[in-house]
Amino acid sequence: MQRRDVLRLAALSAGALATGRPSAALLQSDPSLRNPKRRVIDSHIHLFDPTRPGGIPWPDKTDTALYKPALPERYEAMAAPFGVVGAIAVEASPLGSDNDWLLKVVENNPVVVGAIGDLAPDALTYRADLDRLHRNPLFLGFRYGNIWDRDLADDLKKPGFIEGIKALAQAGLVFESANPDAKLIRALLEIAERVPGLRIVADHLPNAKVPAEPAALKEYQANLHRLAEHNSVFVKLSEIPVVTEGKLVKDGAYYRPRLDALWDLFGEDRVIYGSDWPNSDHVASFADTWSIVIAYVATKSAAAAEKYYWKNSQAAYRWRPRRPGQPGE
């Protein structure tokens, strides 16, 4: 993106945040924004289909915001006007068979450049499953963290768990983790130290549960700094929007200190864009989330913005473009 485009987007986004006018309205009022020069790879979307035989483990039927098919066609129709040209699908199920379902959906939809599955490194079938899935170049790795009633810190003590993660590193794949808190950051630091060179992606760090007690907060901050010293650790600036008193905060200044702290700590080469769609619909629309994101990133250099929007995700995941218009060809 050229500097003049960055400044223009910053002004437009600031106006949207100040007036509450969503990005969708900006796209309608300014058609040139429909085809911006930036190209974006969204590193964090979830795909699922409640109409499948047997149903799905998540979301629940009572979740009226999410319980409907979330498939690539729907995502692309919504996200493409914002400059999104591709995405990475992150698991939404602990069922082993859903790794294959997800990969099949991805294979049939080249807007998705790869998939992060779900595997348990201590499972009896883990090595066989890892080898089988790895044969598909669209399988980029797996996610394991504070999700599906798991606890990464405790599970690291299980026999064979670290060895399983070492096998992932040897395969050149990614270890991803979600729902960060102090305990999870400590666990990721242990993995980074015990499995040097493993590419680790920490999801949703802006929304981390940060300790309030002074000693615990000091330990959390120290561990986060030590984690950032590992050049193979990347973080997603995802789950950014915040609701207070029942209203979405749209003031860009509210988010800047928290985002700057992470951006400065990990550096412009290791921060990644992810929308968390459609889970993000619980908090904000895609348009509102995008307004907050572009307002913040427009304060960075054009080169740094390009890294955030796609280059860093390619460095972390090693995805490859699947159709014309996707970057990294």
C-alpha atoms as a PDB file:
ATOM      1  CA  MET A   1       0.000   0.000   0.000  1.00  0.00           C
ATOM      2  CA  GLN A   2       1.316   3.454  -0.881  1.00  0.00           C
ATOM      3  CA  ARG A   3       1.735   6.040   1.870  1.00  0.00           C
ATOM      4  CA  ARG A   4      -1.045   8.237   0.429  1.00  0.00           C
ATOM      5  CA  ASP A   5      -3.409   5.251   0.553  1.00  0.00           C
ATOM      6  CA  VAL A   6      -2.466   4.589   4.178  1.00  0.00           C
ATOM      7  CA  LEU A   7      -3.205   8.180   5.145  1.00  0.00           C
ATOM      8  CA  ARG A   8      -6.466   8.147   3.218  1.00  0.00           C
ATOM      9  CA  LEU A   9      -7.594   4.951   4.882  1.00  0.00           C
ATOM     10  CA  ALA A  10      -6.620   6.343   8.273  1.00  0.00           C
ATOM     11  CA  ALA A  11      -8.787   9.417   7.728  1.00  0.00           C
ATOM     12  CA  LEU A  12     -11.725   7.391   6.442  1.00  0.00           C
ATOM     13  CA  SER A  13     -11.456   4.869   9.250  1.00  0.00           C
ATOM     14  CA  ALA A  14     -11.154   7.549  11.911  1.00  0.00           C
ATOM     15  CA  GLY A  15     -14.350   9.090  10.592  1.00  0.00           C
ATOM     16  CA  ALA A  16     -16.094   5.743  10.693  1.00  0.00           C
ATOM     17  CA  LEU A  17     -14.970   5.130  14.256  1.00  0.00           C
ATOM     18  CA  ALA A  18     -15.995   8.593  15.378  1.00  0.00           C
ATOM     19  CA  THR A  19     -19.454   8.510  13.818  1.00  0.00           C
ATOM     20  CA  GLY A  20     -20.204   4.854  14.293  1.00  0.00           C
ATOM     21  CA  ARG A  21     -20.594   4.453  10.524  1.00  0.00           C
ATOM     22  CA  PRO A  22     -19.418   0.895   9.699  1.00  0.00           C
ATOM     23  CA  SER A  23     -16.923   0.040   6.999  1.00  0.00           C
ATOM     24  CA  ALA A  24     -19.706  -1.452   4.890  1.00  0.00           C
ATOM     25  CA  ALA A  25     -21.186   2.034   4.586  1.00  0.00           C
ATOM     26  CA  LEU A  26     -17.790   3.404   3.608  1.00  0.00           C
ATOM     27  CA  LEU A  27     -17.574   0.821   0.849  1.00  0.00           C
ATOM     28  CA  GLN A  28     -20.951   1.918  -0.459  1.00  0.00           C
ATOM     29  CA  SER A  29     -20.151   5.633  -0.326  1.00  0.00           C
ATOM     30  CA  ASP A  30     -16.647   5.272  -1.778  1.00  0.00           C
ATOM     31  CA  PRO A  31     -16.534   2.547  -4.479  1.00  0.00           C
ATOM     32  CA  SER A  32     -12.750   2.901  -4.820  1.00  0.00           C
ATOM     33  CA  LEU A  33     -12.388   1.150  -1.450  1.00  0.00           C
ATOM     34  CA  ARG A  34     -13.890  -1.996  -2.975  1.00  0.00           C
ATOM     35  CA  ASN A  35     -10.637  -2.723  -4.776  1.00  0.00           C
ATOM     36  CA  PRO A  36      -7.882  -1.319  -2.555  1.00  0.00           C
ATOM     37  CA  LYS A  37      -4.265  -1.992  -3.431  1.00  0.00           C
ATOM     38  CA  ARG A  38      -3.767  -3.971  -0.267  1.00  0.00           C
ATOM     39  CA  ARG A  39      -4.279  -7.728  -0.424  1.00  0.00           C
ATOM     40  CA  VAL A  40      -5.202  -9.457   2.810  1.00  0.00           C
ATOM     41  CA  ILE A  41      -4.910 -13.049   3.985  1.00  0.00           C
ATOM     42  CA  ASP A  42      -7.178 -13.576   6.974  1.00  0.00           C
ATOM     43  CA  SER A  43      -5.262 -16.043   9.136  1.00  0.00           C
ATOM     44  CA  HIS A  44      -8.170 -17.026  11.359  1.00  0.00           C
ATOM     45  CA  ILE A  45     -11.599 -18.119  10.200  1.00  0.00           C
ATOM     46  CA  HIS A  46     -13.704 -21.089  11.313  1.00  0.00           C
ATOM     47  CA  LEU A  47     -15.667 -23.319   8.964  1.00  0.00           C
ATOM     48  CA  PHE A  48     -18.530 -25.590  10.000  1.00  0.00           C
ATOM     49  CA  ASP A  49     -21.899 -26.777   8.763  1.00  0.00           C
ATOM     50  CA  PRO A  50     -24.707 -27.565  11.235  1.00  0.00           C
ATOM     51  CA  THR A  51     -26.682 -29.248   8.435  1.00  0.00           C
ATOM     52  CA  ARG A  52     -24.141 -32.078   8.181  1.00  0.00           C
ATOM     53  CA  PRO A  53     -25.398 -35.556   9.150  1.00  0.00           C
ATOM     54  CA  GLY A  54     -24.644 -36.095  12.834  1.00  0.00           C
ATOM     55  CA  GLY A  55     -24.368 -32.384  13.577  1.00  0.00           C
ATOM     56  CA  ILE A  56     -21.338 -30.536  14.905  1.00  0.00           C
ATOM     57  CA  PRO A  57     -19.726 -30.149  18.360  1.00  0.00           C
ATOM     58  CA  TRP A  58     -19.590 -26.352  18.070  1.00  0.00           C
ATOM     59  CA  PRO A  59     -21.380 -23.959  18.011  1.00  0.00           C
ATOM     60  CA  ASP A  60     -24.331 -25.050  20.092  1.00  0.00           C
ATOM     61  CA  LYS A  61     -27.842 -25.001  18.654  1.00  0.00           C
ATOM     62  CA  THR A  62     -28.769 -22.308  21.158  1.00  0.00           C
ATOM     63  CA  ASP A  63     -26.151 -19.941  19.704  1.00  0.00           C
ATOM     64  CA  THR A  64     -28.388 -17.999  17.349  1.00  0.00           C
ATOM     65  CA  ALA A  65     -25.525 -15.772  16.203  1.00  0.00           C
ATOM     66  CA  LEU A  66     -23.402 -18.652  14.912  1.00  0.00           C
ATOM     67  CA  TYR A  67     -25.555 -21.744  14.396  1.00  0.00           C
ATOM     68  CA  LYS A  68     -25.778 -21.659  10.600  1.00  0.00           C
ATOM     69  CA  PRO A  69     -23.422 -22.809   7.859  1.00  0.00           C
ATOM     70  CA  ALA A  70     -20.097 -20.968   7.954  1.00  0.00           C
ATOM     71  CA  LEU A  71     -18.519 -21.960   4.657  1.00  0.00           C
ATOM     72  CA  PRO A  72     -16.031 -20.345   2.261  1.00  0.00           C
ATOM     73  CA  GLU A  73     -18.634 -18.987  -0.167  1.00  0.00           C
ATOM     74  CA  ARG A  74     -20.368 -17.024   2.576  1.00  0.00           C
ATOM     75  CA  TYR A  75     -17.088 -15.755   3.971  1.00  0.00           C
ATOM     76  CA  GLU A  76     -15.701 -14.659   0.615  1.00  0.00           C
ATOM     77  CA  ALA A  77     -18.863 -12.767  -0.354  1.00  0.00           C
ATOM     78  CA  MET A  78     -18.621 -10.808   2.899  1.00  0.00           C
ATOM     79  CA  ALA A  79     -14.847 -10.266   3.110  1.00  0.00           C
ATOM     80  CA  ALA A  80     -13.753  -9.732  -0.497  1.00  0.00           C
ATOM     81  CA  PRO A  81     -14.929  -6.090  -0.695  1.00  0.00           C
ATOM     82  CA  PHE A  82     -12.508  -5.284   2.125  1.00  0.00           C
ATOM     83  CA  GLY A  83      -9.504  -6.522   0.177  1.00  0.00           C
ATOM     84  CA  VAL A  84      -9.439 -10.045   1.628  1.00  0.00           C
ATOM     85  CA  VAL A  85      -8.192 -12.429  -1.055  1.00  0.00           C
ATOM     86  CA  GLY A  86      -7.582 -15.531   1.039  1.00  0.00           C
ATOM     87  CA  ALA A  87      -7.921 -17.107   4.463  1.00  0.00           C
ATOM     88  CA  ILE A  88      -6.626 -19.851   6.747  1.00  0.00           C
ATOM     89  CA  ALA A  89      -9.256 -22.111   8.287  1.00  0.00           C
ATOM     90  CA  VAL A  90      -8.638 -22.970  11.937  1.00  0.00           C
ATOM     91  CA  GLU A  91     -10.238 -26.049  13.491  1.00  0.00           C
ATOM     92  CA  ALA A  92     -13.643 -25.759  15.112  1.00  0.00           C
ATOM     93  CA  SER A  93     -13.943 -29.343  16.366  1.00  0.00           C
ATOM     94  CA  PRO A  94     -12.017 -31.828  18.540  1.00  0.00           C
ATOM     95  CA  LEU A  95     -13.237 -34.763  16.426  1.00  0.00           C
ATOM     96  CA  GLY A  96     -10.461 -36.486  14.497  1.00  0.00           C
ATOM     97  CA  SER A  97     -12.702 -37.075  11.486  1.00  0.00           C
ATOM     98  CA  ASP A  98     -13.309 -33.342  11.184  1.00  0.00           C
ATOM     99  CA  ASN A  99      -9.698 -32.816  10.137  1.00  0.00           C
ATOM    100  CA  ASP A 100     -10.594 -34.648   6.938  1.00  0.00           C
ATOM    101  CA  TRP A 101     -13.889 -32.776   6.552  1.00  0.00           C
ATOM    102  CA  LEU A 102     -12.098 -29.436   6.919  1.00  0.00           C
ATOM    103  CA  LEU A 103      -9.389 -30.349   4.422  1.00  0.00           C
ATOM    104  CA  LYS A 104     -12.000 -31.489   1.893  1.00  0.00           C
ATOM    105  CA  VAL A 105     -13.815 -28.157   2.180  1.00  0.00           C
ATOM    106  CA  VAL A 106     -10.533 -26.285   1.810  1.00  0.00           C
ATOM    107  CA  GLU A 107      -9.470 -28.342  -1.203  1.00  0.00           C
ATOM    108  CA  ASN A 108     -12.679 -27.388  -2.996  1.00  0.00           C
ATOM    109  CA  ASN A 109     -12.379 -23.676  -2.211  1.00  0.00           C
ATOM    110  CA  PRO A 110      -9.107 -22.022  -3.307  1.00  0.00           C
ATOM    111  CA  VAL A 111      -9.949 -18.815  -1.448  1.00  0.00           C
ATOM    112  CA  VAL A 112      -8.718 -20.803   1.583  1.00  0.00           C
ATOM    113  CA  VAL A 113      -4.936 -21.229   1.411  1.00  0.00           C
ATOM    114  CA  GLY A 114      -4.608 -23.808   4.184  1.00  0.00           C
ATOM    115  CA  ALA A 115      -6.031 -25.412   7.310  1.00  0.00           C
ATOM    116  CA  ILE A 116      -5.026 -25.790  10.949  1.00  0.00           C
ATOM    117  CA  GLY A 117      -6.428 -29.022  12.327  1.00  0.00           C
ATOM    118  CA  ASP A 118      -6.872 -30.584  15.744  1.00  0.00           C
ATOM    119  CA  LEU A 119      -4.551 -33.308  17.053  1.00  0.00           C
ATOM    120  CA  ALA A 120      -3.521 -34.476  20.531  1.00  0.00           C
ATOM    121  CA  PRO A 121       0.249 -35.186  20.646  1.00  0.00           C
ATOM    122  CA  ASP A 122      -0.190 -37.891  23.292  1.00  0.00           C
ATOM    123  CA  ALA A 123      -2.910 -39.833  21.447  1.00  0.00           C
ATOM    124  CA  LEU A 124      -2.158 -43.410  20.358  1.00  0.00           C
ATOM    125  CA  THR A 125      -2.955 -42.574  16.734  1.00  0.00           C
ATOM    126  CA  TYR A 126      -1.150 -39.233  16.735  1.00  0.00           C
ATOM    127  CA  ARG A 127       1.925 -40.145  14.655  1.00  0.00           C
ATOM    128  CA  ALA A 128      -0.134 -41.979  12.045  1.00  0.00           C
ATOM    129  CA  ASP A 129      -2.637 -39.125  11.864  1.00  0.00           C
ATOM    130  CA  LEU A 130       0.116 -36.531  11.614  1.00  0.00           C
ATOM    131  CA  ASP A 131       1.852 -38.425   8.816  1.00  0.00           C
ATOM    132  CA  ARG A 132      -1.400 -38.901   6.900  1.00  0.00           C
ATOM    133  CA  LEU A 133      -2.529 -35.302   7.213  1.00  0.00           C
ATOM    134  CA  HIS A 134       0.930 -33.959   6.419  1.00  0.00           C
ATOM    135  CA  ARG A 135       0.738 -35.585   3.001  1.00  0.00           C
ATOM    136  CA  ASN A 136      -1.856 -32.971   2.128  1.00  0.00           C
ATOM    137  CA  PRO A 137       0.023 -29.693   1.410  1.00  0.00           C
ATOM    138  CA  LEU A 138      -2.983 -27.710   2.645  1.00  0.00           C
ATOM    139  CA  PHE A 139      -2.532 -29.097   6.165  1.00  0.00           C
ATOM    140  CA  LEU A 140      -0.420 -26.460   7.914  1.00  0.00           C
ATOM    141  CA  GLY A 141      -0.365 -27.773  11.487  1.00  0.00           C
ATOM    142  CA  PHE A 142      -2.681 -28.093  14.456  1.00  0.00           C
ATOM    143  CA  ARG A 143      -4.029 -26.115  17.404  1.00  0.00           C
ATOM    144  CA  TYR A 144      -3.894 -27.072  21.066  1.00  0.00           C
ATOM    145  CA  GLY A 145      -4.490 -24.846  24.074  1.00  0.00           C
ATOM    146  CA  ASN A 146      -7.202 -23.719  26.460  1.00  0.00           C
ATOM    147  CA  ILE A 147      -9.902 -25.217  24.294  1.00  0.00           C
ATOM    148  CA  TRP A 148     -12.029 -28.393  24.227  1.00  0.00           C
ATOM    149  CA  ASP A 149     -11.530 -28.767  28.011  1.00  0.00           C
ATOM    150  CA  ARG A 150      -7.775 -29.071  27.543  1.00  0.00           C
ATOM    151  CA  ASP A 151      -4.996 -27.481  29.538  1.00  0.00           C
ATOM    152  CA  LEU A 152      -1.727 -27.229  27.643  1.00  0.00           C
ATOM    153  CA  ALA A 153       0.367 -26.579  30.752  1.00  0.00           C
ATOM    154  CA  ASP A 154      -0.871 -29.748  32.446  1.00  0.00           C
ATOM    155  CA  ASP A 155      -0.791 -31.821  29.280  1.00  0.00           C
ATOM    156  CA  LEU A 156       2.874 -31.015  28.670  1.00  0.00           C
ATOM    157  CA  LYS A 157       3.585 -33.367  31.577  1.00  0.00           C
ATOM    158  CA  LYS A 158       1.950 -36.333  29.842  1.00  0.00           C
ATOM    159  CA  PRO A 159       4.279 -39.061  28.522  1.00  0.00           C
ATOM    160  CA  GLY A 160       5.060 -38.552  24.861  1.00  0.00           C
ATOM    161  CA  PHE A 161       3.479 -35.092  24.590  1.00  0.00           C
ATOM    162  CA  ILE A 162       6.673 -33.104  23.989  1.00  0.00           C
ATOM    163  CA  GLU A 163       7.955 -35.845  21.684  1.00  0.00           C
ATOM    164  CA  GLY A 164       4.772 -35.426  19.647  1.00  0.00           C
ATOM    165  CA  ILE A 165       5.376 -31.699  19.352  1.00  0.00           C
ATOM    166  CA  LYS A 166       8.962 -32.386  18.276  1.00  0.00           C
ATOM    167  CA  ALA A 167       7.568 -34.579  15.493  1.00  0.00           C
ATOM    168  CA  LEU A 168       5.431 -31.641  14.392  1.00  0.00           C
ATOM    169  CA  ALA A 169       8.526 -29.430  14.263  1.00  0.00           C
ATOM    170  CA  GLN A 170      10.420 -32.046  12.264  1.00  0.00           C
ATOM    171  CA  ALA A 171       7.564 -32.084   9.761  1.00  0.00           C
ATOM    172  CA  GLY A 172       7.934 -28.323   9.354  1.00  0.00           C
ATOM    173  CA  LEU A 173       4.387 -27.649  10.530  1.00  0.00           C
ATOM    174  CA  VAL A 174       2.892 -25.078  12.916  1.00  0.00           C
ATOM    175  CA  PHE A 175       1.863 -25.374  16.560  1.00  0.00           C
ATOM    176  CA  GLU A 176      -1.008 -23.020  17.258  1.00  0.00           C
ATOM    177  CA  SER A 177      -2.604 -22.210  20.595  1.00  0.00           C
ATOM    178  CA  ALA A 178      -5.738 -20.367  21.683  1.00  0.00           C
ATOM    179  CA  ASN A 179      -7.412 -18.471  24.515  1.00  0.00           C
ATOM    180  CA  PRO A 180      -4.278 -17.117  26.209  1.00  0.00           C
ATOM    181  CA  ASP A 181      -3.846 -16.524  29.909  1.00  0.00           C
ATOM    182  CA  ALA A 182      -0.809 -16.489  32.185  1.00  0.00           C
ATOM    183  CA  LYS A 183      -0.675 -20.273  32.426  1.00  0.00           C
ATOM    184  CA  LEU A 184      -0.865 -20.733  28.664  1.00  0.00           C
ATOM    185  CA  ILE A 185       1.872 -18.177  28.017  1.00  0.00           C
ATOM    186  CA  ARG A 186       4.070 -20.043  30.505  1.00  0.00           C
ATOM    187  CA  ALA A 187       3.336 -23.300  28.670  1.00  0.00           C
ATOM    188  CA  LEU A 188       4.125 -21.792  25.251  1.00  0.00           C
ATOM    189  CA  LEU A 189       7.408 -20.500  26.638  1.00  0.00           C
ATOM    190  CA  GLU A 190       8.263 -24.007  27.827  1.00  0.00           C
ATOM    191  CA  ILE A 191       7.524 -25.406  24.371  1.00  0.00           C
ATOM    192  CA  ALA A 192       9.593 -22.710  22.667  1.00  0.00           C
ATOM    193  CA  GLU A 193      12.529 -23.532  24.929  1.00  0.00           C
ATOM    194  CA  ARG A 194      12.223 -27.314  24.670  1.00  0.00           C
ATOM    195  CA  VAL A 195      11.505 -27.443  20.917  1.00  0.00           C
ATOM    196  CA  PRO A 196      13.799 -24.789  19.400  1.00  0.00           C
ATOM    197  CA  GLY A 197      12.798 -23.572  15.959  1.00  0.00           C
ATOM    198  CA  LEU A 198       9.204 -24.778  16.177  1.00  0.00           C
ATOM    199  CA  ARG A 199       6.944 -22.172  14.604  1.00  0.00           C
ATOM    200  CA  ILE A 200       4.358 -21.211  17.229  1.00  0.00           C
ATOM    201  CA  VAL A 201       1.310 -19.012  16.645  1.00  0.00           C
ATOM    202  CA  ALA A 202      -0.466 -17.583  19.698  1.00  0.00           C
ATOM    203  CA  ASP A 203      -4.058 -16.689  18.868  1.00  0.00           C
ATOM    204  CA  HIS A 204      -6.038 -13.720  20.183  1.00  0.00           C
ATOM    205  CA  LEU A 205      -3.302 -12.184  22.329  1.00  0.00           C
ATOM    206  CA  PRO A 206      -5.055  -8.777  22.580  1.00  0.00           C
ATOM    207  CA  ASN A 207      -7.852 -10.580  24.416  1.00  0.00           C
ATOM    208  CA  ALA A 208      -5.587 -12.458  26.841  1.00  0.00           C
ATOM    209  CA  LYS A 209      -6.678 -12.824  30.455  1.00  0.00           C
ATOM    210  CA  VAL A 210      -4.040 -10.750  32.225  1.00  0.00           C
ATOM    211  CA  PRO A 211      -3.518 -11.274  35.979  1.00  0.00           C
ATOM    212  CA  ALA A 212      -4.484  -8.422  38.270  1.00  0.00           C
ATOM    213  CA  GLU A 213      -2.416  -9.496  41.273  1.00  0.00           C
ATOM    214  CA  PRO A 214       0.961  -7.655  41.099  1.00  0.00           C
ATOM    215  CA  ALA A 215       3.270 -10.662  41.484  1.00  0.00           C
ATOM    216  CA  ALA A 216       1.310 -12.734  38.969  1.00  0.00           C
ATOM    217  CA  LEU A 217       1.214  -9.800  36.543  1.00  0.00           C
ATOM    218  CA  LYS A 218       4.982  -9.350  36.831  1.00  0.00           C
ATOM    219  CA  GLU A 219       5.532 -13.048  36.076  1.00  0.00           C
ATOM    220  CA  TYR A 220       3.125 -12.912  33.121  1.00  0.00           C
ATOM    221  CA  GLN A 221       4.898  -9.905  31.618  1.00  0.00           C
ATOM    222  CA  ALA A 222       8.319 -11.496  32.138  1.00  0.00           C
ATOM    223  CA  ASN A 223       7.210 -14.726  30.438  1.00  0.00           C
ATOM    224  CA  LEU A 224       5.655 -12.790  27.565  1.00  0.00           C
ATOM    225  CA  HIS A 225       8.933 -10.923  27.038  1.00  0.00           C
ATOM    226  CA  ARG A 226      10.889 -14.170  27.121  1.00  0.00           C
ATOM    227  CA  LEU A 227       8.460 -15.708  24.642  1.00  0.00           C
ATOM    228  CA  ALA A 228       8.954 -12.745  22.316  1.00  0.00           C
ATOM    229  CA  GLU A 229      12.700 -13.410  22.309  1.00  0.00           C
ATOM    230  CA  HIS A 230      12.046 -16.563  20.268  1.00  0.00           C
ATOM    231  CA  ASN A 231      11.988 -15.486  16.628  1.00  0.00           C
ATOM    232  CA  SER A 232       9.833 -18.440  15.614  1.00  0.00           C
ATOM    233  CA  VAL A 233       6.910 -17.264  17.787  1.00  0.00           C
ATOM    234  CA  PHE A 234       4.168 -15.265  16.063  1.00  0.00           C
ATOM    235  CA  VAL A 235       1.076 -13.635  17.561  1.00  0.00           C
ATOM    236  CA  LYS A 236      -2.324 -12.866  16.085  1.00  0.00           C
ATOM    237  CA  LEU A 237      -3.703  -9.424  16.747  1.00  0.00           C
ATOM    238  CA  SER A 238      -7.171 -10.927  16.652  1.00  0.00           C
ATOM    239  CA  GLU A 239     -10.187 -10.727  18.985  1.00  0.00           C
ATOM    240  CA  ILE A 240      -9.546  -6.991  19.200  1.00  0.00           C
ATOM    241  CA  PRO A 241     -13.057  -5.482  19.564  1.00  0.00           C
ATOM    242  CA  VAL A 242     -14.330  -4.833  23.069  1.00  0.00           C
ATOM    243  CA  VAL A 243     -17.874  -4.315  24.324  1.00  0.00           C
ATOM    244  CA  THR A 244     -18.417  -2.164  27.421  1.00  0.00           C
ATOM    245  CA  GLU A 245     -21.789  -1.432  28.973  1.00  0.00           C
ATOM    246  CA  GLY A 246     -23.418  -3.324  26.155  1.00  0.00           C
ATOM    247  CA  LYS A 247     -21.859  -1.207  23.387  1.00  0.00           C
ATOM    248  CA  LEU A 248     -18.994  -1.860  20.994  1.00  0.00           C
ATOM    249  CA  VAL A 249     -16.083   0.507  21.599  1.00  0.00           C
ATOM    250  CA  LYS A 250     -15.301   2.170  18.260  1.00  0.00           C
ATOM    251  CA  ASP A 251     -12.777   4.754  19.430  1.00  0.00           C
ATOM    252  CA  GLY A 252      -9.431   3.780  17.932  1.00  0.00           C
ATOM    253  CA  ALA A 253      -7.548   5.463  20.774  1.00  0.00           C
ATOM    254  CA  TYR A 254      -9.039   2.927  23.183  1.00  0.00           C
ATOM    255  CA  TYR A 255      -7.274   0.043  21.449  1.00  0.00           C
ATOM    256  CA  ARG A 256      -3.967   1.661  20.587  1.00  0.00           C
ATOM    257  CA  PRO A 257      -2.019   1.179  23.872  1.00  0.00           C
ATOM    258  CA  ARG A 258      -2.852  -2.522  24.087  1.00  0.00           C
ATOM    259  CA  LEU A 259      -2.030  -3.166  20.422  1.00  0.00           C
ATOM    260  CA  ASP A 260       1.109  -1.046  20.488  1.00  0.00           C
ATOM    261  CA  ALA A 261       2.437  -3.013  23.453  1.00  0.00           C
ATOM    262  CA  LEU A 262       2.161  -6.296  21.551  1.00  0.00           C
ATOM    263  CA  TRP A 263       3.336  -4.838  18.229  1.00  0.00           C
ATOM    264  CA  ASP A 264       6.410  -3.333  19.871  1.00  0.00           C
ATOM    265  CA  LEU A 265       7.167  -6.462  21.867  1.00  0.00           C
ATOM    266  CA  PHE A 266       6.999  -8.978  19.012  1.00  0.00           C
ATOM    267  CA  GLY A 267       7.972  -6.585  16.241  1.00  0.00           C
ATOM    268  CA  GLU A 268       6.428  -5.887  12.878  1.00  0.00           C
ATOM    269  CA  ASP A 269       7.733  -9.192  11.472  1.00  0.00           C
ATOM    270  CA  ARG A 270       5.711 -11.418  13.829  1.00  0.00           C
ATOM    271  CA  VAL A 271       2.248  -9.891  14.184  1.00  0.00           C
ATOM    272  CA  ILE A 272      -0.529 -11.425  12.073  1.00  0.00           C
ATOM    273  CA  TYR A 273      -4.033 -10.386  11.047  1.00  0.00           C
ATOM    274  CA  GLY A 274      -6.961 -12.680  11.857  1.00  0.00           C
ATOM    275  CA  SER A 275     -10.672 -11.903  12.041  1.00  0.00           C
ATOM    276  CA  ASP A 276     -11.884 -14.912  14.085  1.00  0.00           C
ATOM    277  CA  TRP A 277     -14.959 -15.029  11.827  1.00  0.00           C
ATOM    278  CA  PRO A 278     -17.695 -16.021  12.507  1.00  0.00           C
ATOM    279  CA  ASN A 279     -16.967 -16.341  16.235  1.00  0.00           C
ATOM    280  CA  SER A 280     -16.277 -12.607  16.164  1.00  0.00           C
ATOM    281  CA  ASP A 281     -19.965 -11.996  15.400  1.00  0.00           C
ATOM    282  CA  HIS A 282     -20.633 -12.358  19.128  1.00  0.00           C
ATOM    283  CA  VAL A 283     -18.862  -9.029  19.652  1.00  0.00           C
ATOM    284  CA  ALA A 284     -18.775  -7.080  16.386  1.00  0.00           C
ATOM    285  CA  SER A 285     -19.628  -7.365  12.728  1.00  0.00           C
ATOM    286  CA  PHE A 286     -16.854  -8.051  10.239  1.00  0.00           C
ATOM    287  CA  ALA A 287     -17.238  -4.464   9.013  1.00  0.00           C
ATOM    288  CA  ASP A 288     -16.851  -2.966  12.480  1.00  0.00           C
ATOM    289  CA  THR A 289     -13.882  -5.188  13.267  1.00  0.00           C
ATOM    290  CA  TRP A 290     -12.264  -4.182   9.993  1.00  0.00           C
ATOM    291  CA  SER A 291     -12.805  -0.479  10.769  1.00  0.00           C
ATOM    292  CA  ILE A 292     -10.900  -0.872  14.028  1.00  0.00           C
ATOM    293  CA  VAL A 293      -8.108  -2.858  12.359  1.00  0.00           C
ATOM    294  CA  ILE A 294      -7.453  -0.515   9.439  1.00  0.00           C
ATOM    295  CA  ALA A 295      -7.601   2.548  11.677  1.00  0.00           C
ATOM    296  CA  TYR A 296      -4.842   1.066  13.815  1.00  0.00           C
ATOM    297  CA  VAL A 297      -2.658  -0.389  11.059  1.00  0.00           C
ATOM    298  CA  ALA A 298      -2.893   2.838   9.052  1.00  0.00           C
ATOM    299  CA  THR A 299      -0.643   4.386  11.720  1.00  0.00           C
ATOM    300  CA  LYS A 300       2.127   1.988  10.661  1.00  0.00           C
ATOM    301  CA  SER A 301       4.340   2.138   7.593  1.00  0.00           C
ATOM    302  CA  ALA A 302       3.111   0.687   4.310  1.00  0.00           C
ATOM    303  CA  ALA A 303       5.739  -2.056   4.569  1.00  0.00           C
ATOM    304  CA  ALA A 304       4.685  -2.957   8.120  1.00  0.00           C
ATOM    305  CA  ALA A 305       1.017  -3.041   7.110  1.00  0.00           C
ATOM    306  CA  GLU A 306       1.786  -5.431   4.264  1.00  0.00           C
ATOM    307  CA  LYS A 307       3.622  -7.708   6.695  1.00  0.00           C
ATOM    308  CA  TYR A 308       0.677  -7.712   9.069  1.00  0.00           C
ATOM    309  CA  TYR A 309      -1.911  -8.308   6.366  1.00  0.00           C
ATOM    310  CA  TRP A 310      -0.215 -11.287   4.687  1.00  0.00           C
ATOM    311  CA  LYS A 311       3.587 -11.570   4.662  1.00  0.00           C
ATOM    312  CA  ASN A 312       3.938 -12.572   8.302  1.00  0.00           C
ATOM    313  CA  SER A 313       1.262 -15.240   8.027  1.00  0.00           C
ATOM    314  CA  GLN A 314       3.117 -16.729   5.077  1.00  0.00           C
ATOM    315  CA  ALA A 315       6.338 -16.773   7.114  1.00  0.00           C
ATOM    316  CA  ALA A 316       4.543 -18.484  10.003  1.00  0.00           C
ATOM    317  CA  TYR A 317       2.374 -20.974   8.124  1.00  0.00           C
ATOM    318  CA  ARG A 318       4.295 -21.443   4.847  1.00  0.00           C
ATOM    319  CA  TRP A 319       1.033 -21.292   2.907  1.00  0.00           C
ATOM    320  CA  ARG A 320       1.126 -20.967  -0.862  1.00  0.00           C
ATOM    321  CA  PRO A 321      -1.212 -18.957  -3.106  1.00  0.00           C
ATOM    322  CA  ARG A 322      -3.874 -21.057  -4.778  1.00  0.00           C
ATOM    323  CA  ARG A 323      -5.360 -18.690  -7.324  1.00  0.00           C
ATOM    324  CA  PRO A 324      -4.570 -15.422  -9.126  1.00  0.00           C
ATOM    325  CA  GLY A 325      -4.820 -12.324  -6.998  1.00  0.00           C
ATOM    326  CA  GLN A 326      -3.487 -13.932  -3.845  1.00  0.00           C
ATOM    327  CA  PRO A 327      -0.126 -12.508  -2.764  1.00  0.00           C
ATOM    328  CA  GLY A 328       3.119 -14.402  -2.578  1.00  0.00           C
ATOM    329  CA  GLU A 329       3.070 -15.763  -6.118  1.00  0.00           C
END
